[in-house]
Amino acid sequence: MEGRLINPSSSLPDAKLSSVADSSVLQICGGYPLQGHVKISGAKNSALVIMAGALLCSGDCHIRNVPLLADVERMGQVLSALGVRLQRNGDLLDINASEITSSKAPYELVTQLRASFFAIGPILARLGVAQMPLPGGCAIGARPVDLHVRGLQAMGAEVQIEHGICNAYVPGKSRRLKGAKIYLDIPSVGATETLMMAATLAEGETIIENAAREPEVVDLANFCIAMGAKIQGAGTSTITIDGVPKLHSTEYSIIPDRIEAGTFLVAGAITRSELLLSPVAPDHLVPVISKLREIGVSVVQETPNCLRVLKSERLIAADIETMPHPGFPTDMQAPFMALLAIAEGDSLINETVFENRLRHASELNRLGADIRVKGNTAFVRGVPLLSGAPVIGTDLRAAAALVVAGLAADGKTTIQGLRYLDRGYDRLDLKLQELGAKIQRLPGSEVKTEIAPSSINPLVSS
């Protein structure tokens, strides 16, 4: 079977156009238990940055376990616009960056996908020049790129930002970046990945201190090592990279998505169901599993890459504070808020990573939750039961939280904002259907819902 070529105007079969996702809704009839095995897809955040990392190689890269996501498609379009050849066949993505025909990424694509900005590192390392539009903020808060820029400058790049474009070039005849010692003010995943990729082809040694420790950073490092890069310390706060002149072709398989796995663990817990999940990396889920057990959910490791969540008789309130890895992941905060909404007692959720990531609280309140928000803290008082209602997903993980809540709610829940969900979950609705959930995707024209502004909800304060 021949693969599918990706070009700048192509689109995913499951998320053809954002306008289609915008107009469709998920309809869930809650209260049904789930049962069976769910296959966890490759990690979204690994796939996106590894695709950017393939720019470092002048040959072929064969990447396996690539999830079917709108964001992956957009990253493919960004790479295609740079002259990269891509071909997809199932979960296998072949990338050939032997000829990068442009050092400038298209504005309209980069502004849709923040992760595409990370390509500035490998482009600059390969060509000695790069022009990358600034990604801007996003729904969950500002994520500036100043750490990326300062790190590239420390490696000898001249960087100027004009009219929303980050222009970078390496002076000198060799056009190669120079090794440097870089300290990150915060352990930014994006900055760590960008600078690590840039350093693989730099002259000399680069040391990144206060580096991000997320599993996706380790996955990127292992991918680069598979291409011949010399990287040590990934997964710790200090990463050392000895630059090499060139990287070679490789085959590589992306790690399982820990956030998708965590979301299904919560789905099993909130519906009082027993589910089997694989493949997973249990070491990547330690804070999630620990918090589930504190809430009263039993999670058993069946095999090295398989977890079973058992039926919960009683859910108990717990406090959560999001932190960089290995702390509790910010991407799991929203699904856990849905779970704690029906736990016995009062829970407190403190979001420390992003300043605007509690907007799903008001939507959960539409379903009958009792959540009050002050600043970056949510106070959750458990209720016996949620009730179906029309709601809107305001970002990727918020949309997933509403799906999880809808599975447990009494009656029918209708969720808008699926363009967010399709960005980060590989056919979530179809996987849930296979587990017995009463969930279907419908054109918005078939569903009559009126959703009043959530700001009028008396349970939520700013």
Protein backbone atom coordinates (compact mmCIF):
# COMPACT_ATOMS: atom_id res chain seq x y z
CA MET A 1 0.00 0.00 0.00
CA GLU A 2 1.46 3.35 -1.01
CA GLY A 3 1.77 6.11 1.52
CA ARG A 4 0.19 9.53 1.30
CA LEU A 5 2.30 12.52 0.34
CA ILE A 6 1.99 15.56 2.57
CA ASN A 7 2.06 18.95 0.94
CA PRO A 8 1.43 22.49 2.20
CA SER A 9 -2.26 22.33 1.34
CA SER A 10 -2.99 18.79 2.49
CA SER A 11 -5.19 17.89 5.44
CA LEU A 12 -5.96 14.95 7.66
CA PRO A 13 -8.77 12.59 6.68
CA ASP A 14 -10.17 12.77 10.22
CA ALA A 15 -9.81 16.53 10.59
CA LYS A 16 -10.07 17.82 7.06
CA LEU A 17 -10.54 21.48 7.80
CA SER A 18 -10.73 23.42 11.01
CA SER A 19 -14.08 24.79 9.85
CA VAL A 20 -15.46 21.26 9.75
CA ALA A 21 -14.24 20.58 13.29
CA ASP A 22 -15.65 23.92 14.39
CA SER A 23 -19.11 23.07 13.07
CA SER A 24 -19.26 19.49 14.38
CA VAL A 25 -20.05 18.44 17.94
CA LEU A 26 -19.64 15.43 20.16
CA GLN A 27 -22.81 14.07 21.70
CA ILE A 28 -22.41 11.83 24.74
CA CYS A 29 -25.06 9.88 26.59
CA GLY A 30 -23.43 9.47 29.98
CA GLY A 31 -23.71 6.92 32.73
CA TYR A 32 -22.50 3.89 30.79
CA PRO A 33 -19.50 1.90 32.07
CA LEU A 34 -16.49 1.36 29.83
CA GLN A 35 -14.82 -1.97 29.25
CA GLY A 36 -11.98 -3.42 27.20
CA HIS A 37 -8.52 -2.50 25.93
CA VAL A 38 -7.46 0.83 24.48
CA LYS A 39 -4.37 1.30 22.31
CA ILE A 40 -2.41 4.40 23.29
CA SER A 41 -1.04 6.38 20.33
CA GLY A 42 2.36 8.00 19.97
CA ALA A 43 3.05 11.15 21.95
CA LYS A 44 1.85 14.34 20.28
CA ASN A 45 4.53 16.52 21.81
CA SER A 46 7.26 14.08 20.82
CA ALA A 47 5.98 13.69 17.27
CA LEU A 48 5.93 17.43 16.59
CA VAL A 49 9.44 18.16 17.81
CA ILE A 50 10.93 15.00 16.28
CA MET A 51 9.48 16.04 12.93
CA ALA A 52 11.29 19.36 13.38
CA GLY A 53 14.41 17.45 14.43
CA ALA A 54 14.39 15.56 11.12
CA LEU A 55 15.50 18.87 9.54
CA LEU A 56 18.93 18.21 11.05
CA CYS A 57 19.42 15.16 8.83
CA SER A 58 20.31 15.43 5.14
CA GLY A 59 18.97 11.93 4.46
CA ASP A 60 15.83 9.88 5.13
CA CYS A 61 14.20 9.53 8.54
CA HIS A 62 11.59 6.83 9.08
CA ILE A 63 9.49 7.69 12.12
CA ARG A 64 7.03 5.16 13.55
CA ASN A 65 4.13 5.45 15.98
CA VAL A 66 3.19 8.90 14.65
CA PRO A 67 -0.33 9.80 15.86
CA LEU A 68 -3.06 10.90 13.47
CA LEU A 69 -3.59 14.48 14.63
CA ALA A 70 -4.39 17.85 13.13
CA ASP A 71 -1.23 19.29 14.71
CA VAL A 72 0.94 16.60 13.10
CA GLU A 73 -0.61 17.43 9.75
CA ARG A 74 0.12 21.13 10.23
CA MET A 75 3.73 20.43 11.14
CA GLY A 76 3.98 18.35 7.98
CA GLN A 77 2.71 21.33 6.01
CA VAL A 78 5.34 23.59 7.61
CA LEU A 79 8.12 21.17 6.68
CA SER A 80 6.74 20.77 3.14
CA ALA A 81 6.79 24.54 2.71
CA LEU A 82 10.51 24.44 3.56
CA GLY A 83 11.13 21.93 0.76
CA VAL A 84 11.04 18.75 2.86
CA ARG A 85 9.52 15.63 1.31
CA LEU A 86 7.12 13.69 3.54
CA GLN A 87 5.11 10.55 2.98
CA ARG A 88 2.74 8.92 5.43
CA ASN A 89 1.61 5.28 5.57
CA GLY A 90 -0.46 4.50 8.66
CA ASP A 91 1.61 5.42 11.71
CA LEU A 92 4.84 5.51 9.67
CA LEU A 93 6.08 8.90 8.49
CA ASP A 94 9.00 9.13 6.05
CA ILE A 95 10.81 12.48 6.05
CA ASN A 96 13.54 13.52 3.62
CA ALA A 97 15.14 16.89 4.33
CA SER A 98 18.07 16.46 1.95
CA GLU A 99 17.12 19.70 0.22
CA ILE A 100 15.79 22.53 2.34
CA THR A 101 14.72 25.01 -0.31
CA SER A 102 13.63 27.80 2.03
CA SER A 103 14.86 29.16 5.35
CA LYS A 104 11.58 30.97 5.99
CA ALA A 105 8.53 29.22 7.39
CA PRO A 106 5.13 30.48 6.21
CA TYR A 107 3.40 32.87 8.59
CA GLU A 108 -0.08 31.40 8.18
CA LEU A 109 1.12 27.93 9.24
CA VAL A 110 3.43 28.85 12.12
CA THR A 111 0.76 31.02 13.74
CA GLN A 112 -1.58 28.00 13.79
CA LEU A 113 0.94 25.71 15.47
CA ARG A 114 3.23 26.99 18.19
CA ALA A 115 5.49 23.92 18.08
CA SER A 116 6.52 24.77 14.52
CA PHE A 117 8.58 27.69 15.89
CA PHE A 118 10.96 25.13 17.41
CA ALA A 119 12.17 24.39 13.87
CA ILE A 120 14.25 27.59 14.05
CA GLY A 121 16.98 25.63 15.86
CA PRO A 122 17.54 22.89 13.27
CA ILE A 123 17.07 25.27 10.31
CA LEU A 124 19.69 27.63 11.72
CA ALA A 125 22.02 24.71 12.44
CA ARG A 126 21.65 23.32 8.89
CA LEU A 127 21.61 26.53 6.82
CA GLY A 128 23.15 29.19 9.03
CA VAL A 129 20.07 31.36 8.52
CA ALA A 130 16.42 31.10 9.53
CA GLN A 131 13.31 33.28 9.40
CA MET A 132 10.51 32.17 11.68
CA PRO A 133 7.28 34.05 12.43
CA LEU A 134 6.60 34.47 16.12
CA PRO A 135 3.94 32.01 17.31
CA GLY A 136 2.22 34.51 19.59
CA GLY A 137 0.25 33.59 22.70
CA CYS A 138 -2.42 30.95 23.03
CA ALA A 139 -5.64 30.20 24.85
CA ILE A 140 -3.90 28.86 27.96
CA GLY A 141 -1.55 31.81 28.39
CA ALA A 142 1.58 33.46 27.05
CA ARG A 143 4.59 31.32 26.26
CA PRO A 144 7.33 33.73 25.15
CA VAL A 145 10.30 32.64 23.03
CA ASP A 146 12.90 34.85 24.70
CA LEU A 147 14.68 31.81 26.16
CA HIS A 148 15.03 30.33 22.67
CA VAL A 149 16.41 33.61 21.32
CA ARG A 150 18.89 34.19 24.15
CA GLY A 151 20.18 30.65 23.85
CA LEU A 152 20.74 30.96 20.10
CA GLN A 153 22.52 34.27 20.68
CA ALA A 154 24.79 32.60 23.23
CA MET A 155 25.70 30.12 20.48
CA GLY A 156 26.83 32.94 18.21
CA ALA A 157 23.68 33.70 16.23
CA GLU A 158 22.63 37.23 15.36
CA VAL A 159 18.91 37.47 16.10
CA GLN A 160 16.53 40.33 15.34
CA ILE A 161 12.76 40.44 15.68
CA GLU A 162 11.01 42.75 13.23
CA HIS A 163 7.36 42.92 12.19
CA GLY A 164 6.55 39.66 13.96
CA ILE A 165 9.39 37.73 12.28
CA CYS A 166 12.38 36.26 14.12
CA ASN A 167 15.37 36.68 11.80
CA ALA A 168 18.46 34.71 12.75
CA TYR A 169 21.78 34.10 11.02
CA VAL A 170 25.23 32.82 11.91
CA PRO A 171 28.05 35.18 10.93
CA GLY A 172 31.38 33.91 9.64
CA LYS A 173 32.51 31.68 6.79
CA SER A 174 31.60 28.38 8.40
CA ARG A 175 28.01 29.46 9.16
CA ARG A 176 28.09 27.05 12.10
CA LEU A 177 26.83 27.80 15.58
CA LYS A 178 29.35 27.63 18.42
CA GLY A 179 29.03 25.59 21.58
CA ALA A 180 28.07 27.57 24.67
CA LYS A 181 27.03 27.27 28.29
CA ILE A 182 23.36 28.20 28.58
CA TYR A 183 21.28 28.61 31.73
CA LEU A 184 17.49 28.67 31.30
CA ASP A 185 15.62 30.94 33.70
CA ILE A 186 12.81 28.40 33.74
CA PRO A 187 12.94 24.75 32.59
CA SER A 188 11.12 25.47 29.33
CA VAL A 189 10.44 22.37 27.23
CA GLY A 190 10.38 24.33 23.97
CA ALA A 191 13.61 26.21 24.68
CA THR A 192 15.39 23.05 25.83
CA GLU A 193 14.37 21.22 22.66
CA THR A 194 15.18 24.12 20.32
CA LEU A 195 18.65 24.67 21.76
CA MET A 196 19.45 20.97 22.02
CA MET A 197 18.64 20.50 18.34
CA ALA A 198 20.69 23.55 17.35
CA ALA A 199 23.64 22.32 19.41
CA THR A 200 23.85 18.92 17.69
CA LEU A 201 25.53 20.51 14.64
CA ALA A 202 27.38 23.30 16.46
CA GLU A 203 31.15 23.51 16.79
CA GLY A 204 32.22 22.39 20.25
CA GLU A 205 30.36 21.60 23.45
CA THR A 206 27.04 23.05 24.57
CA ILE A 207 25.80 22.71 28.15
CA ILE A 208 22.13 23.51 28.91
CA GLU A 209 21.51 24.04 32.61
CA ASN A 210 18.08 24.06 34.29
CA ALA A 211 16.90 22.08 31.28
CA ALA A 212 13.39 20.62 31.06
CA ARG A 213 13.23 16.97 32.14
CA GLU A 214 10.03 15.88 30.37
CA PRO A 215 9.95 12.44 28.68
CA GLU A 216 9.42 14.18 25.33
CA VAL A 217 12.79 15.94 25.75
CA VAL A 218 14.40 12.54 26.33
CA ASP A 219 12.60 11.14 23.28
CA LEU A 220 13.96 13.95 21.09
CA ALA A 221 17.46 13.40 22.46
CA ASN A 222 17.23 9.67 21.71
CA PHE A 223 16.06 10.45 18.18
CA CYS A 224 19.00 12.79 17.63
CA ILE A 225 21.38 10.19 19.11
CA ALA A 226 19.96 7.66 16.66
CA MET A 227 21.03 10.07 13.88
CA GLY A 228 24.57 10.28 15.29
CA ALA A 229 24.28 13.20 17.72
CA LYS A 230 26.34 13.17 20.93
CA ILE A 231 23.99 14.06 23.80
CA GLN A 232 24.28 13.21 27.47
CA GLY A 233 22.07 14.03 30.44
CA ALA A 234 18.65 14.25 28.77
CA GLY A 235 16.06 13.73 31.49
CA THR A 236 18.20 15.59 34.04
CA SER A 237 18.55 19.31 34.63
CA THR A 238 21.90 19.46 32.80
CA ILE A 239 22.22 18.35 29.17
CA THR A 240 25.60 18.23 27.42
CA ILE A 241 25.85 18.17 23.62
CA ASP A 242 29.07 17.69 21.66
CA GLY A 243 28.44 19.03 18.18
CA VAL A 244 29.10 16.89 15.11
CA PRO A 245 29.48 18.02 11.47
CA LYS A 246 26.61 15.93 10.11
CA LEU A 247 23.79 13.59 11.12
CA HIS A 248 22.69 10.46 9.26
CA SER A 249 19.48 8.63 8.37
CA THR A 250 17.66 6.61 10.99
CA GLU A 251 14.52 4.71 11.93
CA TYR A 252 12.86 5.66 15.18
CA SER A 253 9.65 4.91 17.12
CA ILE A 254 7.96 7.62 19.20
CA ILE A 255 7.10 6.99 22.85
CA PRO A 256 3.46 6.45 23.90
CA ASP A 257 1.48 9.56 24.77
CA ARG A 258 1.46 9.87 28.56
CA ILE A 259 -1.31 12.50 28.48
CA GLU A 260 -3.60 10.34 26.36
CA ALA A 261 -2.90 7.42 28.70
CA GLY A 262 -3.64 9.61 31.71
CA THR A 263 -6.89 10.79 30.14
CA PHE A 264 -8.07 7.20 29.65
CA LEU A 265 -7.08 6.34 33.23
CA VAL A 266 -9.29 9.21 34.39
CA ALA A 267 -12.07 8.10 32.02
CA GLY A 268 -11.99 4.66 33.64
CA ALA A 269 -11.98 6.15 37.13
CA ILE A 270 -14.82 8.62 36.59
CA THR A 271 -17.08 5.97 35.00
CA ARG A 272 -16.24 3.38 37.71
CA SER A 273 -14.92 1.08 34.99
CA GLU A 274 -12.10 -1.40 34.45
CA LEU A 275 -9.86 -0.68 31.45
CA LEU A 276 -6.62 -2.05 30.04
CA LEU A 277 -4.18 0.44 28.45
CA SER A 278 -1.15 -0.29 26.28
CA PRO A 279 1.42 0.52 25.16
CA VAL A 280 2.36 2.88 27.97
CA ALA A 281 5.53 3.93 29.76
CA PRO A 282 4.56 3.65 33.46
CA ASP A 283 7.62 5.68 34.52
CA HIS A 284 6.18 8.64 32.61
CA LEU A 285 2.89 8.37 34.54
CA VAL A 286 4.19 8.22 38.12
CA PRO A 287 2.63 11.54 39.31
CA VAL A 288 -0.68 10.74 37.59
CA ILE A 289 -0.91 7.22 38.99
CA SER A 290 0.11 8.43 42.44
CA LYS A 291 -2.63 11.07 42.47
CA LEU A 292 -5.24 8.59 41.21
CA ARG A 293 -4.37 6.23 44.05
CA GLU A 294 -4.69 9.11 46.52
CA ILE A 295 -8.18 9.75 45.12
CA GLY A 296 -9.08 6.08 45.65
CA VAL A 297 -8.47 4.64 42.19
CA SER A 298 -6.56 1.38 41.85
CA VAL A 299 -4.07 1.24 38.98
CA VAL A 300 -2.15 -2.01 38.41
CA GLN A 301 0.86 -2.56 36.17
CA GLU A 302 0.07 -5.77 34.29
CA THR A 303 3.23 -5.89 32.17
CA PRO A 304 6.13 -3.47 31.59
CA ASN A 305 4.04 -1.54 29.04
CA CYS A 306 0.47 -2.26 30.13
CA LEU A 307 -1.70 -0.74 32.88
CA ARG A 308 -5.09 -1.73 34.24
CA VAL A 309 -7.37 0.73 36.00
CA LEU A 310 -9.88 -1.00 38.29
CA LYS A 311 -13.44 -0.06 39.16
CA SER A 312 -13.54 2.57 41.90
CA GLU A 313 -16.06 2.24 44.70
CA ARG A 314 -15.33 5.60 46.28
CA LEU A 315 -13.59 8.77 45.04
CA ILE A 316 -11.94 10.99 47.67
CA ALA A 317 -10.98 14.66 47.36
CA ALA A 318 -7.30 15.54 46.83
CA ASP A 319 -5.19 18.63 46.23
CA ILE A 320 -3.20 19.14 43.03
CA GLU A 321 -0.43 21.55 42.12
CA THR A 322 0.88 21.46 38.57
CA MET A 323 4.66 21.48 38.16
CA PRO A 324 7.26 20.82 35.47
CA HIS A 325 8.21 17.15 35.14
CA PRO A 326 8.58 15.09 37.27
CA GLY A 327 5.80 17.00 39.04
CA PHE A 328 2.11 16.72 38.25
CA PRO A 329 1.65 17.62 34.55
CA THR A 330 -0.32 20.73 33.67
CA ASP A 331 -1.85 18.84 30.73
CA MET A 332 -3.63 16.49 33.18
CA GLN A 333 -5.03 19.26 35.36
CA ALA A 334 -8.31 19.66 33.43
CA PRO A 335 -9.25 15.94 33.28
CA PHE A 336 -8.49 15.61 37.00
CA MET A 337 -10.72 18.59 37.75
CA ALA A 338 -13.56 16.67 36.11
CA LEU A 339 -12.78 13.63 38.27
CA LEU A 340 -12.54 15.64 41.50
CA ALA A 341 -15.87 17.29 40.69
CA ILE A 342 -17.59 14.05 41.80
CA ALA A 343 -15.15 13.09 44.59
CA GLU A 344 -16.22 13.25 48.23
CA GLY A 345 -15.00 16.40 49.93
CA ASP A 346 -13.21 19.60 48.92
CA SER A 347 -10.24 19.69 46.58
CA LEU A 348 -7.86 22.49 45.71
CA ILE A 349 -6.15 22.75 42.31
CA ASN A 350 -3.29 25.21 41.90
CA GLU A 351 -2.13 25.85 38.32
CA THR A 352 1.47 27.10 38.41
CA VAL A 353 2.58 26.52 34.80
CA PHE A 354 0.13 28.64 32.76
CA GLU A 355 -1.78 31.69 33.91
CA ASN A 356 -5.00 31.13 31.98
CA ARG A 357 -5.71 27.43 32.20
CA LEU A 358 -8.80 27.15 34.39
CA ARG A 359 -11.47 28.26 31.93
CA HIS A 360 -12.93 24.75 31.80
CA ALA A 361 -14.15 25.24 35.39
CA SER A 362 -17.12 27.29 34.20
CA GLU A 363 -18.00 24.66 31.60
CA LEU A 364 -17.83 21.89 34.20
CA ASN A 365 -20.17 23.97 36.34
CA ARG A 366 -22.70 23.80 33.50
CA LEU A 367 -22.67 20.06 34.09
CA GLY A 368 -23.50 20.57 37.76
CA ALA A 369 -20.01 20.78 39.25
CA ASP A 370 -19.36 23.14 42.16
CA ILE A 371 -16.09 24.87 41.30
CA ARG A 372 -14.94 28.36 42.23
CA VAL A 373 -11.90 29.98 40.66
CA LYS A 374 -9.72 32.69 42.12
CA GLY A 375 -6.64 33.61 40.13
CA ASN A 376 -4.83 30.39 39.24
CA THR A 377 -6.52 28.33 41.94
CA ALA A 378 -9.71 26.30 41.67
CA PHE A 379 -11.72 25.22 44.72
CA VAL A 380 -13.66 22.06 43.90
CA ARG A 381 -16.48 20.83 46.15
CA GLY A 382 -17.50 17.34 45.14
CA VAL A 383 -21.09 16.70 44.08
CA PRO A 384 -22.86 13.31 43.93
CA LEU A 385 -23.67 13.50 40.22
CA LEU A 386 -23.07 15.56 37.08
CA SER A 387 -25.89 16.29 34.62
CA GLY A 388 -25.60 16.46 30.84
CA ALA A 389 -25.63 19.91 29.23
CA PRO A 390 -24.26 21.75 26.17
CA VAL A 391 -20.65 22.89 26.74
CA ILE A 392 -17.72 24.33 24.80
CA GLY A 393 -14.09 23.17 24.83
CA THR A 394 -11.87 26.24 25.24
CA ASP A 395 -8.54 24.49 24.66
CA LEU A 396 -7.17 21.02 23.98
CA ARG A 397 -7.13 19.58 27.51
CA ALA A 398 -10.28 21.45 28.51
CA ALA A 399 -12.13 19.71 25.68
CA ALA A 400 -10.82 16.34 26.89
CA ALA A 401 -12.01 17.15 30.43
CA LEU A 402 -15.51 17.81 29.13
CA VAL A 403 -15.52 14.50 27.28
CA VAL A 404 -14.46 12.71 30.47
CA ALA A 405 -17.12 14.54 32.49
CA GLY A 406 -19.77 13.81 29.87
CA LEU A 407 -19.06 10.09 30.13
CA ALA A 408 -20.09 10.18 33.79
CA ALA A 409 -22.88 12.75 33.58
CA ASP A 410 -26.55 11.80 33.77
CA GLY A 411 -28.24 12.44 30.42
CA LYS A 412 -26.90 13.99 27.23
CA THR A 413 -23.82 16.22 26.93
CA THR A 414 -23.06 18.11 23.73
CA ILE A 415 -19.51 19.42 23.27
CA GLN A 416 -18.45 22.13 20.83
CA GLY A 417 -14.88 23.21 20.06
CA LEU A 418 -13.69 19.92 18.57
CA ARG A 419 -10.89 21.64 16.64
CA TYR A 420 -9.01 21.66 19.95
CA LEU A 421 -9.68 18.00 20.66
CA ASP A 422 -8.53 16.90 17.20
CA ARG A 423 -5.24 18.74 17.68
CA GLY A 424 -4.05 16.40 20.41
CA TYR A 425 -6.11 13.20 20.64
CA ASP A 426 -5.91 10.49 18.01
CA ARG A 427 -9.57 9.60 17.25
CA LEU A 428 -10.62 9.87 20.89
CA ASP A 429 -14.32 9.47 20.14
CA LEU A 430 -13.76 6.29 18.12
CA LYS A 431 -11.58 4.74 20.83
CA LEU A 432 -14.24 5.50 23.43
CA GLN A 433 -16.93 3.95 21.20
CA GLU A 434 -14.90 0.73 21.10
CA LEU A 435 -14.91 0.74 24.92
CA GLY A 436 -18.70 0.98 25.02
CA ALA A 437 -19.21 4.73 25.40
CA LYS A 438 -22.37 6.19 23.88
CA ILE A 439 -20.56 8.94 21.98
CA GLN A 440 -20.92 10.17 18.42
CA ARG A 441 -19.67 13.04 16.29
CA LEU A 442 -22.46 14.97 14.59
CA PRO A 443 -22.66 17.97 12.26
CA GLY A 444 -23.55 21.02 14.32
CA SER A 445 -26.61 21.58 12.14
CA GLU A 446 -28.15 18.39 13.51
CA VAL A 447 -27.90 19.52 17.13
CA LYS A 448 -29.95 22.36 18.57
CA THR A 449 -28.09 23.89 21.49
CA GLU A 450 -27.91 27.34 22.96
CA ILE A 451 -24.97 28.07 25.21
CA ALA A 452 -25.07 31.23 27.26
CA PRO A 453 -21.80 32.98 28.11
CA SER A 454 -20.13 31.18 31.00
CA SER A 455 -19.22 34.48 32.63
CA ILE A 456 -22.73 34.69 34.06
CA ASN A 457 -22.25 31.51 36.08
CA PRO A 458 -22.36 32.57 39.73
CA LEU A 459 -20.07 29.72 40.82
CA VAL A 460 -17.04 31.13 39.03
CA SER A 461 -15.24 34.33 39.97
CA SER A 462 -12.27 35.87 38.23
